[in-house]
Amino acid sequence: MPTGLLLINLGTPDEPTPAAVKRYLRQFLNDPRVLDMNVLGRKLLLEVVILPRRPAQSAHAYQQIWDKTRGSPLLFHGHDLVAGVAERLGPDWKVELGMRYGSPDIAGALDRLIAAECSRIVVIPLYPQYASSSTGSSLEHLYTLASRKNNVPPLAVVPPFFADDGFLDAAVAVARPRLDALAPDHVLFSFHGLPEHHMRDGDPSGQHCLASPSCCDAVAGPSRDCYRAQCFATARGLAARLALPEGGWTVSFQSRLTRVPWIKPYTDEVLPELARRGVKKIAVLCPAFVADCLETLEEIGIRAAEQWTKDGGVTLELIPSLNSHPAWVDAVVNLARRV
């Protein structure tokens, strides 16, 4: 009997059209772990504020990154990763990709692994840092699906790999040639943002998260599961491996959605400040994403790059995500075999 491996990522629209994006956003933003407000408030925000306008805007953004042959970058990089990992693991494993929203969905992936009579299923949520709105939502959905089955193989979940040597080394393997060629004045680690209250809600002490400038200096105690602390740990690990000088790199957070306070500093405020300080060539890594997607290719690679030159910068280079780089394939294989 084979061992199953389920790789989970967030998801993507089926097409870069307003209708497809609207379907995707309705599923995504209806998740109470994403928009954590009362049901009526979430419905009003979706139907009155977000869905009438945002699908057309997002569809235009998706059209700029959509591959004419292979479609959504997040999806085809996911399929390439599955193929590489399956080849490395061999016939004793069956590997599936499941998206939390959209397709291929987690339900179908779980069904295929069960149909293959897997003795157990290893689950890797492809989010390096833990967040309730990504890792938590994906696992909750998986457990709900599994609870409806009569016979479910044991599930072994790989924990967040924000400081895993394989993950960090793979990121360095991708970044090093680009950094050597560019010789940037500064390196920015831009992570996906989250509302501040997500950090406070996950603080078991109720007194640590965002209570002081040093709250994210270590991932331990009250900050053990803190997304922001784990992001800073990832950045420190990459900066050390890349031998970046003190003061030569910065952490920021992108992709704000609502008007509530989000974790700081904000990428769209850090970049113009760096330009005002005289930085001309900047490299941007997005280590919250293991596959290139709208937030990396369009938000940073297109919009942020255009704004950078308007603010007086010369070059903004987006360092690719891990995608299906051989070092990342090896890291995923090692993560899977470890549990």
C-alpha atoms as a PDB file:
ATOM      1  CA  MET A   1       0.000   0.000   0.000  1.00  0.00           C
ATOM      2  CA  PRO A   2       1.419   3.409  -0.959  1.00  0.00           C
ATOM      3  CA  THR A   3       1.863   6.404   1.298  1.00  0.00           C
ATOM      4  CA  GLY A   4      -0.181   9.406   0.257  1.00  0.00           C
ATOM      5  CA  LEU A   5       1.144  12.943   0.088  1.00  0.00           C
ATOM      6  CA  LEU A   6      -1.316  15.824  -0.068  1.00  0.00           C
ATOM      7  CA  LEU A   7       0.147  19.217  -0.969  1.00  0.00           C
ATOM      8  CA  ILE A   8      -2.257  22.056  -0.140  1.00  0.00           C
ATOM      9  CA  ASN A   9      -2.148  25.594  -1.480  1.00  0.00           C
ATOM     10  CA  LEU A  10      -4.628  28.458  -1.350  1.00  0.00           C
ATOM     11  CA  GLY A  11      -6.083  28.423  -4.860  1.00  0.00           C
ATOM     12  CA  THR A  12      -6.685  30.399  -8.029  1.00  0.00           C
ATOM     13  CA  PRO A  13      -9.554  31.321 -10.356  1.00  0.00           C
ATOM     14  CA  ASP A  14     -10.162  28.955 -13.252  1.00  0.00           C
ATOM     15  CA  GLU A  15      -9.868  31.787 -15.776  1.00  0.00           C
ATOM     16  CA  PRO A  16      -8.754  35.439 -15.751  1.00  0.00           C
ATOM     17  CA  THR A  17     -12.319  36.658 -16.274  1.00  0.00           C
ATOM     18  CA  PRO A  18     -14.566  38.712 -13.975  1.00  0.00           C
ATOM     19  CA  ALA A  19     -17.057  35.851 -13.701  1.00  0.00           C
ATOM     20  CA  ALA A  20     -14.413  33.278 -12.719  1.00  0.00           C
ATOM     21  CA  VAL A  21     -12.712  35.681 -10.329  1.00  0.00           C
ATOM     22  CA  LYS A  22     -16.073  36.490  -8.722  1.00  0.00           C
ATOM     23  CA  ARG A  23     -16.730  32.782  -8.088  1.00  0.00           C
ATOM     24  CA  TYR A  24     -13.291  32.419  -6.557  1.00  0.00           C
ATOM     25  CA  LEU A  25     -13.547  35.514  -4.374  1.00  0.00           C
ATOM     26  CA  ARG A  26     -17.000  34.534  -3.128  1.00  0.00           C
ATOM     27  CA  GLN A  27     -15.652  31.165  -1.940  1.00  0.00           C
ATOM     28  CA  PHE A  28     -12.429  32.651  -0.557  1.00  0.00           C
ATOM     29  CA  LEU A  29     -13.904  35.623   1.267  1.00  0.00           C
ATOM     30  CA  ASN A  30     -16.870  33.689   2.644  1.00  0.00           C
ATOM     31  CA  ASP A  31     -14.392  31.778   4.799  1.00  0.00           C
ATOM     32  CA  PRO A  32     -14.880  33.011   8.391  1.00  0.00           C
ATOM     33  CA  ARG A  33     -11.161  32.519   9.036  1.00  0.00           C
ATOM     34  CA  VAL A  34     -10.399  34.993   6.235  1.00  0.00           C
ATOM     35  CA  LEU A  35     -13.042  37.621   6.945  1.00  0.00           C
ATOM     36  CA  ASP A  36     -13.578  36.937  10.623  1.00  0.00           C
ATOM     37  CA  MET A  37     -16.699  38.941  11.304  1.00  0.00           C
ATOM     38  CA  ASN A  38     -20.345  38.108  11.915  1.00  0.00           C
ATOM     39  CA  VAL A  39     -22.187  36.410   9.060  1.00  0.00           C
ATOM     40  CA  LEU A  40     -24.342  39.424   8.198  1.00  0.00           C
ATOM     41  CA  GLY A  41     -21.362  41.808   8.204  1.00  0.00           C
ATOM     42  CA  ARG A  42     -19.340  39.489   5.992  1.00  0.00           C
ATOM     43  CA  LYS A  43     -22.237  39.092   3.545  1.00  0.00           C
ATOM     44  CA  LEU A  44     -22.797  42.844   3.320  1.00  0.00           C
ATOM     45  CA  LEU A  45     -19.083  43.526   2.827  1.00  0.00           C
ATOM     46  CA  LEU A  46     -18.896  40.904   0.098  1.00  0.00           C
ATOM     47  CA  GLU A  47     -22.077  41.638  -1.795  1.00  0.00           C
ATOM     48  CA  VAL A  48     -22.168  45.432  -1.450  1.00  0.00           C
ATOM     49  CA  VAL A  49     -18.507  46.504  -1.336  1.00  0.00           C
ATOM     50  CA  ILE A  50     -16.177  43.818  -2.724  1.00  0.00           C
ATOM     51  CA  LEU A  51     -17.948  41.705  -5.344  1.00  0.00           C
ATOM     52  CA  PRO A  52     -19.530  44.530  -7.380  1.00  0.00           C
ATOM     53  CA  ARG A  53     -16.114  46.035  -8.220  1.00  0.00           C
ATOM     54  CA  ARG A  54     -13.189  43.835  -7.302  1.00  0.00           C
ATOM     55  CA  PRO A  55     -13.691  40.920  -9.766  1.00  0.00           C
ATOM     56  CA  ALA A  56     -13.144  43.154 -12.786  1.00  0.00           C
ATOM     57  CA  GLN A  57     -10.083  44.765 -11.209  1.00  0.00           C
ATOM     58  CA  SER A  58      -8.609  41.415 -10.183  1.00  0.00           C
ATOM     59  CA  ALA A  59      -9.405  39.839 -13.556  1.00  0.00           C
ATOM     60  CA  HIS A  60      -7.370  42.567 -15.266  1.00  0.00           C
ATOM     61  CA  ALA A  61      -4.497  41.839 -12.886  1.00  0.00           C
ATOM     62  CA  TYR A  62      -4.725  38.088 -13.532  1.00  0.00           C
ATOM     63  CA  GLN A  63      -4.706  38.685 -17.284  1.00  0.00           C
ATOM     64  CA  GLN A  64      -1.278  40.296 -16.966  1.00  0.00           C
ATOM     65  CA  ILE A  65       0.277  37.186 -15.406  1.00  0.00           C
ATOM     66  CA  TRP A  66      -1.796  34.421 -17.044  1.00  0.00           C
ATOM     67  CA  ASP A  67       0.263  32.102 -19.203  1.00  0.00           C
ATOM     68  CA  LYS A  68      -1.331  31.674 -22.634  1.00  0.00           C
ATOM     69  CA  THR A  69      -0.500  27.975 -22.703  1.00  0.00           C
ATOM     70  CA  ARG A  70      -0.475  26.818 -19.099  1.00  0.00           C
ATOM     71  CA  GLY A  71      -2.856  29.221 -17.397  1.00  0.00           C
ATOM     72  CA  SER A  72      -2.542  30.242 -13.762  1.00  0.00           C
ATOM     73  CA  PRO A  73       1.081  30.355 -12.529  1.00  0.00           C
ATOM     74  CA  LEU A  74       0.088  29.163  -9.059  1.00  0.00           C
ATOM     75  CA  LEU A  75      -1.628  26.140 -10.572  1.00  0.00           C
ATOM     76  CA  PHE A  76       0.951  25.075 -13.139  1.00  0.00           C
ATOM     77  CA  HIS A  77       3.821  25.560 -10.698  1.00  0.00           C
ATOM     78  CA  GLY A  78       1.843  23.382  -8.279  1.00  0.00           C
ATOM     79  CA  HIS A  79       1.447  20.649 -10.881  1.00  0.00           C
ATOM     80  CA  ASP A  80       5.158  20.859 -11.718  1.00  0.00           C
ATOM     81  CA  LEU A  81       6.016  20.503  -8.032  1.00  0.00           C
ATOM     82  CA  VAL A  82       3.775  17.445  -7.721  1.00  0.00           C
ATOM     83  CA  ALA A  83       5.456  15.847 -10.740  1.00  0.00           C
ATOM     84  CA  GLY A  84       8.951  16.501  -9.397  1.00  0.00           C
ATOM     85  CA  VAL A  85       8.147  15.287  -5.887  1.00  0.00           C
ATOM     86  CA  ALA A  86       6.371  12.172  -7.178  1.00  0.00           C
ATOM     87  CA  GLU A  87       9.365  11.278  -9.329  1.00  0.00           C
ATOM     88  CA  ARG A  88      11.747  11.674  -6.388  1.00  0.00           C
ATOM     89  CA  LEU A  89       9.577   9.701  -3.965  1.00  0.00           C
ATOM     90  CA  GLY A  90       8.976   6.832  -6.371  1.00  0.00           C
ATOM     91  CA  PRO A  91       6.140   4.307  -6.766  1.00  0.00           C
ATOM     92  CA  ASP A  92       5.635   3.759  -3.037  1.00  0.00           C
ATOM     93  CA  TRP A  93       4.037   7.215  -2.791  1.00  0.00           C
ATOM     94  CA  LYS A  94       1.013   8.823  -4.421  1.00  0.00           C
ATOM     95  CA  VAL A  95       1.139  12.631  -4.576  1.00  0.00           C
ATOM     96  CA  GLU A  96      -1.864  14.934  -5.013  1.00  0.00           C
ATOM     97  CA  LEU A  97      -2.396  18.704  -5.105  1.00  0.00           C
ATOM     98  CA  GLY A  98      -5.446  20.203  -3.423  1.00  0.00           C
ATOM     99  CA  MET A  99      -6.472  23.864  -3.354  1.00  0.00           C
ATOM    100  CA  ARG A 100      -8.362  25.325  -0.409  1.00  0.00           C
ATOM    101  CA  TYR A 101     -10.439  27.369  -2.861  1.00  0.00           C
ATOM    102  CA  GLY A 102     -11.108  26.576  -6.496  1.00  0.00           C
ATOM    103  CA  SER A 103      -9.773  23.525  -8.263  1.00  0.00           C
ATOM    104  CA  PRO A 104      -8.282  20.990  -7.996  1.00  0.00           C
ATOM    105  CA  ASP A 105     -10.015  20.925  -4.628  1.00  0.00           C
ATOM    106  CA  ILE A 106      -8.952  19.203  -1.427  1.00  0.00           C
ATOM    107  CA  ALA A 107     -12.035  16.970  -1.482  1.00  0.00           C
ATOM    108  CA  GLY A 108     -11.098  15.416  -4.817  1.00  0.00           C
ATOM    109  CA  ALA A 109      -7.461  14.992  -3.816  1.00  0.00           C
ATOM    110  CA  LEU A 110      -8.471  13.243  -0.584  1.00  0.00           C
ATOM    111  CA  ASP A 111     -10.843  10.963  -2.481  1.00  0.00           C
ATOM    112  CA  ARG A 112      -8.117   9.958  -4.913  1.00  0.00           C
ATOM    113  CA  LEU A 113      -5.668   9.161  -2.114  1.00  0.00           C
ATOM    114  CA  ILE A 114      -8.263   7.060  -0.313  1.00  0.00           C
ATOM    115  CA  ALA A 115      -9.174   5.292  -3.566  1.00  0.00           C
ATOM    116  CA  ALA A 116      -5.477   4.477  -4.023  1.00  0.00           C
ATOM    117  CA  GLU A 117      -5.656   2.635  -0.660  1.00  0.00           C
ATOM    118  CA  CYS A 118      -2.908   4.716   0.903  1.00  0.00           C
ATOM    119  CA  SER A 119      -1.785   3.330   4.254  1.00  0.00           C
ATOM    120  CA  ARG A 120      -1.461   6.903   5.593  1.00  0.00           C
ATOM    121  CA  ILE A 121      -1.567  10.415   4.209  1.00  0.00           C
ATOM    122  CA  VAL A 122       1.133  12.998   4.826  1.00  0.00           C
ATOM    123  CA  VAL A 123      -0.225  16.531   4.534  1.00  0.00           C
ATOM    124  CA  ILE A 124       1.946  19.553   3.721  1.00  0.00           C
ATOM    125  CA  PRO A 125       0.160  22.900   3.781  1.00  0.00           C
ATOM    126  CA  LEU A 126       2.380  24.906   1.424  1.00  0.00           C
ATOM    127  CA  TYR A 127       2.408  27.970   3.684  1.00  0.00           C
ATOM    128  CA  PRO A 128       5.821  28.394   5.330  1.00  0.00           C
ATOM    129  CA  GLN A 129       4.444  30.493   8.200  1.00  0.00           C
ATOM    130  CA  TYR A 130       1.326  29.554  10.157  1.00  0.00           C
ATOM    131  CA  ALA A 131      -1.794  31.696   9.813  1.00  0.00           C
ATOM    132  CA  SER A 132      -5.334  30.872  10.826  1.00  0.00           C
ATOM    133  CA  SER A 133      -6.555  32.196   7.474  1.00  0.00           C
ATOM    134  CA  SER A 134      -4.329  29.861   5.430  1.00  0.00           C
ATOM    135  CA  THR A 135      -2.924  26.864   7.338  1.00  0.00           C
ATOM    136  CA  GLY A 136      -5.717  26.854   9.892  1.00  0.00           C
ATOM    137  CA  SER A 137      -8.469  27.124   7.301  1.00  0.00           C
ATOM    138  CA  SER A 138      -6.945  24.439   5.071  1.00  0.00           C
ATOM    139  CA  LEU A 139      -6.554  21.955   7.916  1.00  0.00           C
ATOM    140  CA  GLU A 140     -10.009  22.664   9.321  1.00  0.00           C
ATOM    141  CA  HIS A 141     -11.488  21.993   5.879  1.00  0.00           C
ATOM    142  CA  LEU A 142      -9.439  18.807   5.452  1.00  0.00           C
ATOM    143  CA  TYR A 143     -10.449  17.486   8.881  1.00  0.00           C
ATOM    144  CA  THR A 144     -14.106  18.233   8.139  1.00  0.00           C
ATOM    145  CA  LEU A 145     -13.914  16.307   4.875  1.00  0.00           C
ATOM    146  CA  ALA A 146     -12.107  13.406   6.560  1.00  0.00           C
ATOM    147  CA  SER A 147     -14.692  13.256   9.363  1.00  0.00           C
ATOM    148  CA  ARG A 148     -17.375  12.410   6.804  1.00  0.00           C
ATOM    149  CA  LYS A 149     -15.540   9.301   5.572  1.00  0.00           C
ATOM    150  CA  ASN A 150     -16.156   5.846   6.981  1.00  0.00           C
ATOM    151  CA  ASN A 151     -12.553   4.769   6.557  1.00  0.00           C
ATOM    152  CA  VAL A 152      -9.801   7.366   6.579  1.00  0.00           C
ATOM    153  CA  PRO A 153      -6.087   6.569   6.641  1.00  0.00           C
ATOM    154  CA  PRO A 154      -4.074   8.248   9.412  1.00  0.00           C
ATOM    155  CA  LEU A 155      -3.250  11.875   8.628  1.00  0.00           C
ATOM    156  CA  ALA A 156       0.227  13.203   9.468  1.00  0.00           C
ATOM    157  CA  VAL A 157       0.532  16.981   9.101  1.00  0.00           C
ATOM    158  CA  VAL A 158       3.892  18.640   8.483  1.00  0.00           C
ATOM    159  CA  PRO A 159       4.154  21.718  10.731  1.00  0.00           C
ATOM    160  CA  PRO A 160       5.033  25.195   9.403  1.00  0.00           C
ATOM    161  CA  PHE A 161       8.492  25.076   7.841  1.00  0.00           C
ATOM    162  CA  PHE A 162       9.410  28.772   8.192  1.00  0.00           C
ATOM    163  CA  ALA A 163      12.845  27.901   9.652  1.00  0.00           C
ATOM    164  CA  ASP A 164      13.411  24.549   7.940  1.00  0.00           C
ATOM    165  CA  ASP A 165      16.921  24.265   6.531  1.00  0.00           C
ATOM    166  CA  GLY A 166      15.700  22.752   3.281  1.00  0.00           C
ATOM    167  CA  PHE A 167      13.177  25.527   2.702  1.00  0.00           C
ATOM    168  CA  LEU A 168      15.689  28.263   3.480  1.00  0.00           C
ATOM    169  CA  ASP A 169      18.458  26.653   1.443  1.00  0.00           C
ATOM    170  CA  ALA A 170      16.102  26.281  -1.534  1.00  0.00           C
ATOM    171  CA  ALA A 171      15.168  29.967  -1.313  1.00  0.00           C
ATOM    172  CA  VAL A 172      18.853  30.862  -1.285  1.00  0.00           C
ATOM    173  CA  ALA A 173      19.491  28.611  -4.288  1.00  0.00           C
ATOM    174  CA  VAL A 174      16.851  30.554  -6.226  1.00  0.00           C
ATOM    175  CA  ALA A 175      17.895  33.986  -4.998  1.00  0.00           C
ATOM    176  CA  ARG A 176      21.688  33.824  -5.048  1.00  0.00           C
ATOM    177  CA  PRO A 177      22.244  33.946  -8.841  1.00  0.00           C
ATOM    178  CA  ARG A 178      19.799  36.856  -9.199  1.00  0.00           C
ATOM    179  CA  LEU A 179      21.354  38.812  -6.350  1.00  0.00           C
ATOM    180  CA  ASP A 180      24.862  38.226  -7.654  1.00  0.00           C
ATOM    181  CA  ALA A 181      23.835  39.494 -11.087  1.00  0.00           C
ATOM    182  CA  LEU A 182      21.916  42.535  -9.786  1.00  0.00           C
ATOM    183  CA  ALA A 183      24.169  43.543  -6.862  1.00  0.00           C
ATOM    184  CA  PRO A 184      21.234  45.344  -5.207  1.00  0.00           C
ATOM    185  CA  ASP A 185      21.632  48.268  -2.831  1.00  0.00           C
ATOM    186  CA  HIS A 186      18.998  46.722  -0.583  1.00  0.00           C
ATOM    187  CA  VAL A 187      16.965  43.526  -0.186  1.00  0.00           C
ATOM    188  CA  LEU A 188      13.306  43.592   0.840  1.00  0.00           C
ATOM    189  CA  PHE A 189      11.540  40.562   2.279  1.00  0.00           C
ATOM    190  CA  SER A 190       7.868  41.229   1.549  1.00  0.00           C
ATOM    191  CA  PHE A 191       5.434  38.855   3.252  1.00  0.00           C
ATOM    192  CA  HIS A 192       1.683  38.657   2.859  1.00  0.00           C
ATOM    193  CA  GLY A 193      -0.014  40.837   5.453  1.00  0.00           C
ATOM    194  CA  LEU A 194      -2.722  39.964   7.977  1.00  0.00           C
ATOM    195  CA  PRO A 195      -4.945  42.036  10.258  1.00  0.00           C
ATOM    196  CA  GLU A 196      -3.265  42.863  13.560  1.00  0.00           C
ATOM    197  CA  HIS A 197      -6.076  41.240  15.518  1.00  0.00           C
ATOM    198  CA  HIS A 198      -5.163  37.869  13.967  1.00  0.00           C
ATOM    199  CA  MET A 199      -1.865  38.104  15.858  1.00  0.00           C
ATOM    200  CA  ARG A 200      -3.540  39.101  19.111  1.00  0.00           C
ATOM    201  CA  ASP A 201      -6.229  36.421  18.766  1.00  0.00           C
ATOM    202  CA  GLY A 202      -3.499  33.777  18.469  1.00  0.00           C
ATOM    203  CA  ASP A 203      -1.621  34.969  21.563  1.00  0.00           C
ATOM    204  CA  PRO A 204      -2.475  32.584  24.426  1.00  0.00           C
ATOM    205  CA  SER A 205      -1.155  35.069  26.986  1.00  0.00           C
ATOM    206  CA  GLY A 206      -3.188  37.963  25.615  1.00  0.00           C
ATOM    207  CA  GLN A 207      -0.333  40.281  26.559  1.00  0.00           C
ATOM    208  CA  HIS A 208       2.604  39.615  24.211  1.00  0.00           C
ATOM    209  CA  CYS A 209       1.765  40.010  20.523  1.00  0.00           C
ATOM    210  CA  LEU A 210       2.289  43.564  19.188  1.00  0.00           C
ATOM    211  CA  ALA A 211       2.759  44.803  22.753  1.00  0.00           C
ATOM    212  CA  SER A 212       6.385  45.881  22.195  1.00  0.00           C
ATOM    213  CA  PRO A 213       8.809  46.493  19.306  1.00  0.00           C
ATOM    214  CA  SER A 214      10.664  43.295  20.260  1.00  0.00           C
ATOM    215  CA  CYS A 215       7.635  40.986  20.392  1.00  0.00           C
ATOM    216  CA  CYS A 216       8.684  39.149  17.199  1.00  0.00           C
ATOM    217  CA  ASP A 217      12.375  38.788  18.009  1.00  0.00           C
ATOM    218  CA  ALA A 218      11.946  35.076  18.783  1.00  0.00           C
ATOM    219  CA  VAL A 219       9.497  32.295  17.972  1.00  0.00           C
ATOM    220  CA  ALA A 220       8.866  30.937  21.457  1.00  0.00           C
ATOM    221  CA  GLY A 221       6.347  31.061  24.260  1.00  0.00           C
ATOM    222  CA  PRO A 222       3.384  33.302  23.384  1.00  0.00           C
ATOM    223  CA  SER A 223       4.782  33.941  19.889  1.00  0.00           C
ATOM    224  CA  ARG A 224       5.340  30.267  19.077  1.00  0.00           C
ATOM    225  CA  ASP A 225       2.481  30.229  16.549  1.00  0.00           C
ATOM    226  CA  CYS A 226       2.633  33.925  15.619  1.00  0.00           C
ATOM    227  CA  TYR A 227       2.633  34.519  11.873  1.00  0.00           C
ATOM    228  CA  ARG A 228       4.536  37.805  12.147  1.00  0.00           C
ATOM    229  CA  ALA A 229       7.215  36.300  14.406  1.00  0.00           C
ATOM    230  CA  GLN A 230       7.635  33.376  12.012  1.00  0.00           C
ATOM    231  CA  CYS A 231       7.996  35.794   9.079  1.00  0.00           C
ATOM    232  CA  PHE A 232      10.794  37.640  10.864  1.00  0.00           C
ATOM    233  CA  ALA A 233      12.453  34.297  11.663  1.00  0.00           C
ATOM    234  CA  THR A 234      12.341  33.354   7.974  1.00  0.00           C
ATOM    235  CA  ALA A 235      13.851  36.712   7.013  1.00  0.00           C
ATOM    236  CA  ARG A 236      16.634  36.390   9.575  1.00  0.00           C
ATOM    237  CA  GLY A 237      17.438  32.896   8.327  1.00  0.00           C
ATOM    238  CA  LEU A 238      17.595  34.029   4.702  1.00  0.00           C
ATOM    239  CA  ALA A 239      19.593  37.172   5.479  1.00  0.00           C
ATOM    240  CA  ALA A 240      22.173  35.094   7.355  1.00  0.00           C
ATOM    241  CA  ARG A 241      22.477  32.545   4.549  1.00  0.00           C
ATOM    242  CA  LEU A 242      22.732  35.303   1.935  1.00  0.00           C
ATOM    243  CA  ALA A 243      25.307  37.161   4.080  1.00  0.00           C
ATOM    244  CA  LEU A 244      23.318  40.384   3.846  1.00  0.00           C
ATOM    245  CA  PRO A 245      24.875  43.241   5.835  1.00  0.00           C
ATOM    246  CA  GLU A 246      23.150  44.770   8.825  1.00  0.00           C
ATOM    247  CA  GLY A 247      20.927  47.529   7.539  1.00  0.00           C
ATOM    248  CA  GLY A 248      20.985  46.023   4.064  1.00  0.00           C
ATOM    249  CA  TRP A 249      17.623  44.307   4.321  1.00  0.00           C
ATOM    250  CA  THR A 250      14.106  45.062   5.526  1.00  0.00           C
ATOM    251  CA  VAL A 251      10.940  43.107   6.341  1.00  0.00           C
ATOM    252  CA  SER A 252       7.551  44.377   5.181  1.00  0.00           C
ATOM    253  CA  PHE A 253       3.970  43.154   4.651  1.00  0.00           C
ATOM    254  CA  GLN A 254       1.851  43.524   1.528  1.00  0.00           C
ATOM    255  CA  SER A 255      -1.685  42.900   0.208  1.00  0.00           C
ATOM    256  CA  ARG A 256      -3.856  44.811   2.669  1.00  0.00           C
ATOM    257  CA  LEU A 257      -7.554  44.251   1.990  1.00  0.00           C
ATOM    258  CA  THR A 258      -9.771  45.910   4.620  1.00  0.00           C
ATOM    259  CA  ARG A 259      -9.471  49.165   6.565  1.00  0.00           C
ATOM    260  CA  VAL A 260      -8.675  47.553   9.914  1.00  0.00           C
ATOM    261  CA  PRO A 261      -5.015  47.852  11.020  1.00  0.00           C
ATOM    262  CA  TRP A 262      -2.766  45.246   9.406  1.00  0.00           C
ATOM    263  CA  ILE A 263       0.654  44.145  10.571  1.00  0.00           C
ATOM    264  CA  LYS A 264       3.410  46.642   9.814  1.00  0.00           C
ATOM    265  CA  PRO A 265       5.530  47.876   8.203  1.00  0.00           C
ATOM    266  CA  TYR A 266       3.580  48.038   4.933  1.00  0.00           C
ATOM    267  CA  THR A 267       5.406  47.211   1.706  1.00  0.00           C
ATOM    268  CA  ASP A 268       3.773  50.086  -0.178  1.00  0.00           C
ATOM    269  CA  GLU A 269       5.112  52.508   2.431  1.00  0.00           C
ATOM    270  CA  VAL A 270       8.550  50.936   2.883  1.00  0.00           C
ATOM    271  CA  LEU A 271       9.420  51.048  -0.832  1.00  0.00           C
ATOM    272  CA  PRO A 272       9.000  54.821  -1.313  1.00  0.00           C
ATOM    273  CA  GLU A 273      10.871  55.438   1.942  1.00  0.00           C
ATOM    274  CA  LEU A 274      13.802  53.363   0.668  1.00  0.00           C
ATOM    275  CA  ALA A 275      13.738  55.306  -2.604  1.00  0.00           C
ATOM    276  CA  ARG A 276      13.840  58.590  -0.660  1.00  0.00           C
ATOM    277  CA  ARG A 277      16.879  57.279   1.215  1.00  0.00           C
ATOM    278  CA  GLY A 278      18.708  56.903  -2.106  1.00  0.00           C
ATOM    279  CA  VAL A 279      18.298  53.167  -2.764  1.00  0.00           C
ATOM    280  CA  LYS A 280      18.368  52.691  -6.538  1.00  0.00           C
ATOM    281  CA  LYS A 281      18.528  48.931  -7.068  1.00  0.00           C
ATOM    282  CA  ILE A 282      16.363  46.744  -4.874  1.00  0.00           C
ATOM    283  CA  ALA A 283      15.651  43.020  -4.886  1.00  0.00           C
ATOM    284  CA  VAL A 284      12.350  41.790  -3.441  1.00  0.00           C
ATOM    285  CA  LEU A 285      11.850  38.283  -2.091  1.00  0.00           C
ATOM    286  CA  CYS A 286       8.360  37.087  -1.093  1.00  0.00           C
ATOM    287  CA  PRO A 287       9.053  34.186   1.298  1.00  0.00           C
ATOM    288  CA  ALA A 288       5.425  33.664   2.347  1.00  0.00           C
ATOM    289  CA  PHE A 289       4.742  32.238  -1.123  1.00  0.00           C
ATOM    290  CA  VAL A 290       6.289  29.016  -2.402  1.00  0.00           C
ATOM    291  CA  ALA A 291       4.819  29.524  -5.881  1.00  0.00           C
ATOM    292  CA  ASP A 292       4.569  32.658  -7.967  1.00  0.00           C
ATOM    293  CA  CYS A 293       1.058  34.068  -8.075  1.00  0.00           C
ATOM    294  CA  LEU A 294      -0.903  37.304  -8.342  1.00  0.00           C
ATOM    295  CA  GLU A 295       0.656  38.725  -5.174  1.00  0.00           C
ATOM    296  CA  THR A 296       4.207  38.194  -6.401  1.00  0.00           C
ATOM    297  CA  LEU A 297       4.054  38.610 -10.173  1.00  0.00           C
ATOM    298  CA  GLU A 298       1.490  41.405 -10.426  1.00  0.00           C
ATOM    299  CA  GLU A 299       1.508  43.186  -7.081  1.00  0.00           C
ATOM    300  CA  ILE A 300       5.303  43.278  -6.738  1.00  0.00           C
ATOM    301  CA  GLY A 301       6.700  42.432 -10.172  1.00  0.00           C
ATOM    302  CA  ILE A 302       4.471  44.885 -12.055  1.00  0.00           C
ATOM    303  CA  ARG A 303       2.763  47.452  -9.811  1.00  0.00           C
ATOM    304  CA  ALA A 304       5.485  47.870  -7.205  1.00  0.00           C
ATOM    305  CA  ALA A 305       8.164  47.972  -9.909  1.00  0.00           C
ATOM    306  CA  GLU A 306       6.300  50.733 -11.757  1.00  0.00           C
ATOM    307  CA  GLN A 307       5.843  52.717  -8.567  1.00  0.00           C
ATOM    308  CA  TRP A 308       9.523  52.233  -7.689  1.00  0.00           C
ATOM    309  CA  THR A 309      10.704  54.030 -10.810  1.00  0.00           C
ATOM    310  CA  LYS A 310       8.149  56.806 -10.260  1.00  0.00           C
ATOM    311  CA  ASP A 311       9.558  57.265  -6.745  1.00  0.00           C
ATOM    312  CA  GLY A 312      13.085  57.677  -8.063  1.00  0.00           C
ATOM    313  CA  GLY A 313      14.380  54.109  -7.980  1.00  0.00           C
ATOM    314  CA  VAL A 314      16.105  52.553 -10.963  1.00  0.00           C
ATOM    315  CA  THR A 315      15.602  48.796 -10.713  1.00  0.00           C
ATOM    316  CA  LEU A 316      13.217  46.628  -8.707  1.00  0.00           C
ATOM    317  CA  GLU A 317      13.792  42.940  -9.338  1.00  0.00           C
ATOM    318  CA  LEU A 318      11.325  40.361  -8.074  1.00  0.00           C
ATOM    319  CA  ILE A 319      13.190  37.204  -7.081  1.00  0.00           C
ATOM    320  CA  PRO A 320      11.156  34.187  -8.246  1.00  0.00           C
ATOM    321  CA  SER A 321       9.386  31.990  -5.755  1.00  0.00           C
ATOM    322  CA  LEU A 322      10.500  28.412  -5.180  1.00  0.00           C
ATOM    323  CA  ASN A 323       7.998  27.054  -7.729  1.00  0.00           C
ATOM    324  CA  SER A 324       9.420  23.653  -8.758  1.00  0.00           C
ATOM    325  CA  HIS A 325      13.138  24.387  -8.370  1.00  0.00           C
ATOM    326  CA  PRO A 326      15.043  21.121  -7.787  1.00  0.00           C
ATOM    327  CA  ALA A 327      16.218  22.283  -4.353  1.00  0.00           C
ATOM    328  CA  TRP A 328      12.609  22.913  -3.341  1.00  0.00           C
ATOM    329  CA  VAL A 329      11.544  19.520  -4.685  1.00  0.00           C
ATOM    330  CA  ASP A 330      14.232  17.961  -2.489  1.00  0.00           C
ATOM    331  CA  ALA A 331      13.071  20.002   0.505  1.00  0.00           C
ATOM    332  CA  VAL A 332       9.443  18.891   0.067  1.00  0.00           C
ATOM    333  CA  VAL A 333      10.545  15.271  -0.241  1.00  0.00           C
ATOM    334  CA  ASN A 334      12.522  15.573   2.991  1.00  0.00           C
ATOM    335  CA  LEU A 335       9.590  17.235   4.768  1.00  0.00           C
ATOM    336  CA  ALA A 336       7.299  14.407   3.654  1.00  0.00           C
ATOM    337  CA  ARG A 337       9.664  11.661   4.741  1.00  0.00           C
ATOM    338  CA  ARG A 338      10.273  13.249   8.129  1.00  0.00           C
ATOM    339  CA  VAL A 339       6.823  12.622   9.615  1.00  0.00           C
END
